[in-house]
Amino acid sequence: MTHAFYIGMSYAATGLVVLCLIAWVVMDGQARKRELKELEASGVRRRARAASAGDAQ
């Protein structure tokens, strides 16, 4: 195993891990948006929207 091969494989492995993490975050964000949409459709509301302007400090 040469030094260049080791460095190249390290970069490839790191790139793969980063791409997997990015994909995971994107898919998780889409799932959360879908869950929020379903909850709001069923009548559940977020507290931040229900708070009056006087309550926010």
PDB file of N, CA and C in Angstrom:
ATOM      1  N   MET A   1       0.851  -1.176   0.000  1.00  0.00           N
ATOM      2  CA  MET A   1       0.000   0.000   0.000  1.00  0.00           C
ATOM      3  C   MET A   1       0.897   1.240   0.000  1.00  0.00           C
ATOM      4  N   THR A   2       0.677   2.085  -0.992  1.00  0.00           N
ATOM      5  CA  THR A   2       1.492   3.293  -1.085  1.00  0.00           C
ATOM      6  C   THR A   2       0.849   4.422  -0.286  1.00  0.00           C
ATOM      7  N   HIS A   3       1.662   5.424  -0.060  1.00  0.00           N
ATOM      8  CA  HIS A   3       1.182   6.584   0.679  1.00  0.00           C
ATOM      9  C   HIS A   3       0.057   7.280  -0.092  1.00  0.00           C
ATOM     10  N   ALA A   4       0.195   7.429  -1.391  1.00  0.00           N
ATOM     11  CA  ALA A   4      -0.817   8.102  -2.211  1.00  0.00           C
ATOM     12  C   ALA A   4      -2.138   7.326  -2.175  1.00  0.00           C
ATOM     13  N   PHE A   5      -2.076   6.005  -2.217  1.00  0.00           N
ATOM     14  CA  PHE A   5      -3.285   5.184  -2.150  1.00  0.00           C
ATOM     15  C   PHE A   5      -3.987   5.398  -0.805  1.00  0.00           C
ATOM     16  N   TYR A   6      -3.211   5.401   0.258  1.00  0.00           N
ATOM     17  CA  TYR A   6      -3.768   5.616   1.595  1.00  0.00           C
ATOM     18  C   TYR A   6      -4.451   6.980   1.690  1.00  0.00           C
ATOM     19  N   ILE A   7      -3.814   8.020   1.191  1.00  0.00           N
ATOM     20  CA  ILE A   7      -4.381   9.369   1.224  1.00  0.00           C
ATOM     21  C   ILE A   7      -5.639   9.432   0.364  1.00  0.00           C
ATOM     22  N   GLY A   8      -5.585   8.849  -0.824  1.00  0.00           N
ATOM     23  CA  GLY A   8      -6.744   8.848  -1.720  1.00  0.00           C
ATOM     24  C   GLY A   8      -7.926   8.128  -1.105  1.00  0.00           C
ATOM     25  N   MET A   9      -7.703   6.978  -0.501  1.00  0.00           N
ATOM     26  CA  MET A   9      -8.788   6.232   0.139  1.00  0.00           C
ATOM     27  C   MET A   9      -9.340   6.973   1.353  1.00  0.00           C
ATOM     28  N   SER A  10      -8.486   7.682   2.058  1.00  0.00           N
ATOM     29  CA  SER A  10      -8.949   8.473   3.206  1.00  0.00           C
ATOM     30  C   SER A  10      -9.882   9.586   2.757  1.00  0.00           C
ATOM     31  N   TYR A  11      -9.491  10.279   1.684  1.00  0.00           N
ATOM     32  CA  TYR A  11     -10.359  11.324   1.146  1.00  0.00           C
ATOM     33  C   TYR A  11     -11.664  10.736   0.622  1.00  0.00           C
ATOM     34  N   ALA A  12     -11.612   9.614  -0.045  1.00  0.00           N
ATOM     35  CA  ALA A  12     -12.811   8.974  -0.589  1.00  0.00           C
ATOM     36  C   ALA A  12     -13.757   8.554   0.547  1.00  0.00           C
ATOM     37  N   ALA A  13     -13.214   7.970   1.587  1.00  0.00           N
ATOM     38  CA  ALA A  13     -14.035   7.544   2.714  1.00  0.00           C
ATOM     39  C   ALA A  13     -14.663   8.747   3.413  1.00  0.00           C
ATOM     40  N   THR A  14     -13.891   9.800   3.582  1.00  0.00           N
ATOM     41  CA  THR A  14     -14.407  11.013   4.216  1.00  0.00           C
ATOM     42  C   THR A  14     -15.508  11.636   3.365  1.00  0.00           C
ATOM     43  N   GLY A  15     -15.289  11.688   2.065  1.00  0.00           N
ATOM     44  CA  GLY A  15     -16.299  12.226   1.156  1.00  0.00           C
ATOM     45  C   GLY A  15     -17.589  11.417   1.207  1.00  0.00           C
ATOM     46  N   LEU A  16     -17.468  10.105   1.258  1.00  0.00           N
ATOM     47  CA  LEU A  16     -18.637   9.243   1.333  1.00  0.00           C
ATOM     48  C   LEU A  16     -19.424   9.488   2.626  1.00  0.00           C
ATOM     49  N   VAL A  17     -18.709   9.616   3.723  1.00  0.00           N
ATOM     50  CA  VAL A  17     -19.369   9.879   5.015  1.00  0.00           C
ATOM     51  C   VAL A  17     -20.085  11.229   4.976  1.00  0.00           C
ATOM     52  N   VAL A  18     -19.446  12.249   4.432  1.00  0.00           N
ATOM     53  CA  VAL A  18     -20.050  13.582   4.358  1.00  0.00           C
ATOM     54  C   VAL A  18     -21.296  13.549   3.480  1.00  0.00           C
ATOM     55  N   LEU A  19     -21.229  12.879   2.335  1.00  0.00           N
ATOM     56  CA  LEU A  19     -22.393  12.771   1.454  1.00  0.00           C
ATOM     57  C   LEU A  19     -23.544  12.035   2.135  1.00  0.00           C
ATOM     58  N   CYS A  20     -23.229  10.984   2.872  1.00  0.00           N
ATOM     59  CA  CYS A  20     -24.265  10.254   3.605  1.00  0.00           C
ATOM     60  C   CYS A  20     -24.916  11.131   4.669  1.00  0.00           C
ATOM     61  N   LEU A  21     -24.122  11.914   5.375  1.00  0.00           N
ATOM     62  CA  LEU A  21     -24.671  12.813   6.392  1.00  0.00           C
ATOM     63  C   LEU A  21     -25.561  13.882   5.771  1.00  0.00           C
ATOM     64  N   ILE A  22     -25.138  14.435   4.635  1.00  0.00           N
ATOM     65  CA  ILE A  22     -25.951  15.441   3.954  1.00  0.00           C
ATOM     66  C   ILE A  22     -27.279  14.834   3.518  1.00  0.00           C
ATOM     67  N   ALA A  23     -27.233  13.639   2.933  1.00  0.00           N
ATOM     68  CA  ALA A  23     -28.460  12.964   2.491  1.00  0.00           C
ATOM     69  C   ALA A  23     -29.375  12.691   3.682  1.00  0.00           C
ATOM     70  N   TRP A  24     -28.803  12.265   4.792  1.00  0.00           N
ATOM     71  CA  TRP A  24     -29.589  11.979   5.991  1.00  0.00           C
ATOM     72  C   TRP A  24     -30.298  13.235   6.496  1.00  0.00           C
ATOM     73  N   VAL A  25     -29.585  14.347   6.544  1.00  0.00           N
ATOM     74  CA  VAL A  25     -30.160  15.601   7.028  1.00  0.00           C
ATOM     75  C   VAL A  25     -31.292  16.061   6.104  1.00  0.00           C
ATOM     76  N   VAL A  26     -31.089  15.962   4.797  1.00  0.00           N
ATOM     77  CA  VAL A  26     -32.123  16.364   3.844  1.00  0.00           C
ATOM     78  C   VAL A  26     -33.360  15.483   3.994  1.00  0.00           C
ATOM     79  N   MET A  27     -33.176  14.171   4.050  1.00  0.00           N
ATOM     80  CA  MET A  27     -34.319  13.258   4.176  1.00  0.00           C
ATOM     81  C   MET A  27     -35.034  13.446   5.506  1.00  0.00           C
ATOM     82  N   ASP A  28     -34.288  13.693   6.579  1.00  0.00           N
ATOM     83  CA  ASP A  28     -34.899  13.910   7.889  1.00  0.00           C
ATOM     84  C   ASP A  28     -35.693  15.212   7.898  1.00  0.00           C
ATOM     85  N   GLY A  29     -35.171  16.247   7.257  1.00  0.00           N
ATOM     86  CA  GLY A  29     -35.894  17.512   7.175  1.00  0.00           C
ATOM     87  C   GLY A  29     -37.199  17.359   6.417  1.00  0.00           C
ATOM     88  N   GLN A  30     -37.172  16.600   5.333  1.00  0.00           N
ATOM     89  CA  GLN A  30     -38.396  16.356   4.569  1.00  0.00           C
ATOM     90  C   GLN A  30     -39.403  15.577   5.412  1.00  0.00           C
ATOM     91  N   ALA A  31     -38.935  14.607   6.179  1.00  0.00           N
ATOM     92  CA  ALA A  31     -39.828  13.820   7.034  1.00  0.00           C
ATOM     93  C   ALA A  31     -40.464  14.700   8.110  1.00  0.00           C
ATOM     94  N   ARG A  32     -39.669  15.615   8.705  1.00  0.00           N
ATOM     95  CA  ARG A  32     -40.218  16.496   9.742  1.00  0.00           C
ATOM     96  C   ARG A  32     -41.263  17.431   9.146  1.00  0.00           C
ATOM     97  N   LYS A  33     -41.002  17.972   7.944  1.00  0.00           N
ATOM     98  CA  LYS A  33     -41.975  18.848   7.294  1.00  0.00           C
ATOM     99  C   LYS A  33     -43.270  18.092   7.016  1.00  0.00           C
ATOM    100  N   ARG A  34     -43.135  16.845   6.573  1.00  0.00           N
ATOM    101  CA  ARG A  34     -44.316  16.023   6.296  1.00  0.00           C
ATOM    102  C   ARG A  34     -45.106  15.767   7.582  1.00  0.00           C
ATOM    103  N   GLU A  35     -44.398  15.474   8.675  1.00  0.00           N
ATOM    104  CA  GLU A  35     -45.064  15.251   9.962  1.00  0.00           C
ATOM    105  C   GLU A  35     -45.773  16.510  10.448  1.00  0.00           C
ATOM    106  N   LEU A  36     -45.129  17.669  10.302  1.00  0.00           N
ATOM    107  CA  LEU A  36     -45.763  18.926  10.711  1.00  0.00           C
ATOM    108  C   LEU A  36     -47.012  19.198   9.889  1.00  0.00           C
ATOM    109  N   LYS A  37     -46.930  18.933   8.589  1.00  0.00           N
ATOM    110  CA  LYS A  37     -48.090  19.137   7.722  1.00  0.00           C
ATOM    111  C   LYS A  37     -49.246  18.235   8.139  1.00  0.00           C
ATOM    112  N   GLU A  38     -48.951  16.967   8.463  1.00  0.00           N
ATOM    113  CA  GLU A  38     -49.993  16.038   8.905  1.00  0.00           C
ATOM    114  C   GLU A  38     -50.597  16.477  10.237  1.00  0.00           C
ATOM    115  N   LEU A  39     -49.763  16.927  11.160  1.00  0.00           N
ATOM    116  CA  LEU A  39     -50.263  17.382  12.460  1.00  0.00           C
ATOM    117  C   LEU A  39     -51.139  18.618  12.318  1.00  0.00           C
ATOM    118  N   GLU A  40     -50.700  19.575  11.487  1.00  0.00           N
ATOM    119  CA  GLU A  40     -51.492  20.779  11.292  1.00  0.00           C
ATOM    120  C   GLU A  40     -52.802  20.463  10.591  1.00  0.00           C
ATOM    121  N   ALA A  41     -52.802  19.493   9.692  1.00  0.00           N
ATOM    122  CA  ALA A  41     -54.030  19.094   9.008  1.00  0.00           C
ATOM    123  C   ALA A  41     -55.014  18.430   9.972  1.00  0.00           C
ATOM    124  N   SER A  42     -54.477  17.776  11.003  1.00  0.00           N
ATOM    125  CA  SER A  42     -55.353  17.110  11.972  1.00  0.00           C
ATOM    126  C   SER A  42     -55.827  18.051  13.074  1.00  0.00           C
ATOM    127  N   GLY A  43     -55.377  19.297  13.055  1.00  0.00           N
ATOM    128  CA  GLY A  43     -55.863  20.277  14.022  1.00  0.00           C
ATOM    129  C   GLY A  43     -54.861  20.658  15.093  1.00  0.00           C
ATOM    130  N   VAL A  44     -53.736  19.991  15.152  1.00  0.00           N
ATOM    131  CA  VAL A  44     -52.708  20.333  16.135  1.00  0.00           C
ATOM    132  C   VAL A  44     -51.958  21.562  15.619  1.00  0.00           C
ATOM    133  N   ARG A  45     -51.807  22.558  16.463  1.00  0.00           N
ATOM    134  CA  ARG A  45     -51.123  23.789  16.073  1.00  0.00           C
ATOM    135  C   ARG A  45     -49.848  23.960  16.895  1.00  0.00           C
ATOM    136  N   ARG A  46     -48.902  24.660  16.297  1.00  0.00           N
ATOM    137  CA  ARG A  46     -47.660  24.958  17.008  1.00  0.00           C
ATOM    138  C   ARG A  46     -47.898  26.100  17.987  1.00  0.00           C
ATOM    139  N   ARG A  47     -47.281  26.008  19.149  1.00  0.00           N
ATOM    140  CA  ARG A  47     -47.477  27.022  20.185  1.00  0.00           C
ATOM    141  C   ARG A  47     -46.914  28.373  19.768  1.00  0.00           C
ATOM    142  N   ALA A  48     -45.844  28.387  19.008  1.00  0.00           N
ATOM    143  CA  ALA A  48     -45.219  29.650  18.624  1.00  0.00           C
ATOM    144  C   ALA A  48     -46.180  30.514  17.816  1.00  0.00           C
ATOM    145  N   ARG A  49     -47.022  29.900  17.013  1.00  0.00           N
ATOM    146  CA  ARG A  49     -47.992  30.663  16.224  1.00  0.00           C
ATOM    147  C   ARG A  49     -49.146  31.148  17.093  1.00  0.00           C
ATOM    148  N   ALA A  50     -49.491  30.408  18.127  1.00  0.00           N
ATOM    149  CA  ALA A  50     -50.639  30.747  18.963  1.00  0.00           C
ATOM    150  C   ALA A  50     -50.300  31.826  19.984  1.00  0.00           C
ATOM    151  N   ALA A  51     -49.026  32.038  20.263  1.00  0.00           N
ATOM    152  CA  ALA A  51     -48.628  33.030  21.276  1.00  0.00           C
ATOM    153  C   ALA A  51     -48.942  34.427  20.787  1.00  0.00           C
ATOM    154  N   SER A  52     -49.424  35.241  21.687  1.00  0.00           N
ATOM    155  CA  SER A  52     -49.718  36.615  21.320  1.00  0.00           C
ATOM    156  C   SER A  52     -48.436  37.439  21.328  1.00  0.00           C
ATOM    157  N   ALA A  53     -48.486  38.613  20.735  1.00  0.00           N
ATOM    158  CA  ALA A  53     -47.319  39.465  20.647  1.00  0.00           C
ATOM    159  C   ALA A  53     -46.842  39.912  22.020  1.00  0.00           C
ATOM    160  N   GLY A  54     -47.746  40.033  22.981  1.00  0.00           N
ATOM    161  CA  GLY A  54     -47.384  40.472  24.332  1.00  0.00           C
ATOM    162  C   GLY A  54     -46.646  39.416  25.101  1.00  0.00           C
ATOM    163  N   ASP A  55     -46.792  38.149  24.717  1.00  0.00           N
ATOM    164  CA  ASP A  55     -46.120  37.061  25.439  1.00  0.00           C
ATOM    165  C   ASP A  55     -44.663  36.931  25.062  1.00  0.00           C
ATOM    166  N   ALA A  56     -44.303  37.333  23.860  1.00  0.00           N
ATOM    167  CA  ALA A  56     -42.916  37.157  23.378  1.00  0.00           C
ATOM    168  C   ALA A  56     -42.023  38.193  24.041  1.00  0.00           C
ATOM    169  N   GLN A  57     -40.941  37.728  24.623  1.00  0.00           N
ATOM    170  CA  GLN A  57     -39.991  38.644  25.252  1.00  0.00           C
ATOM    171  C   GLN A  57     -38.589  38.258  24.910  1.00  0.00           C
TER     172      GLN A  57
END
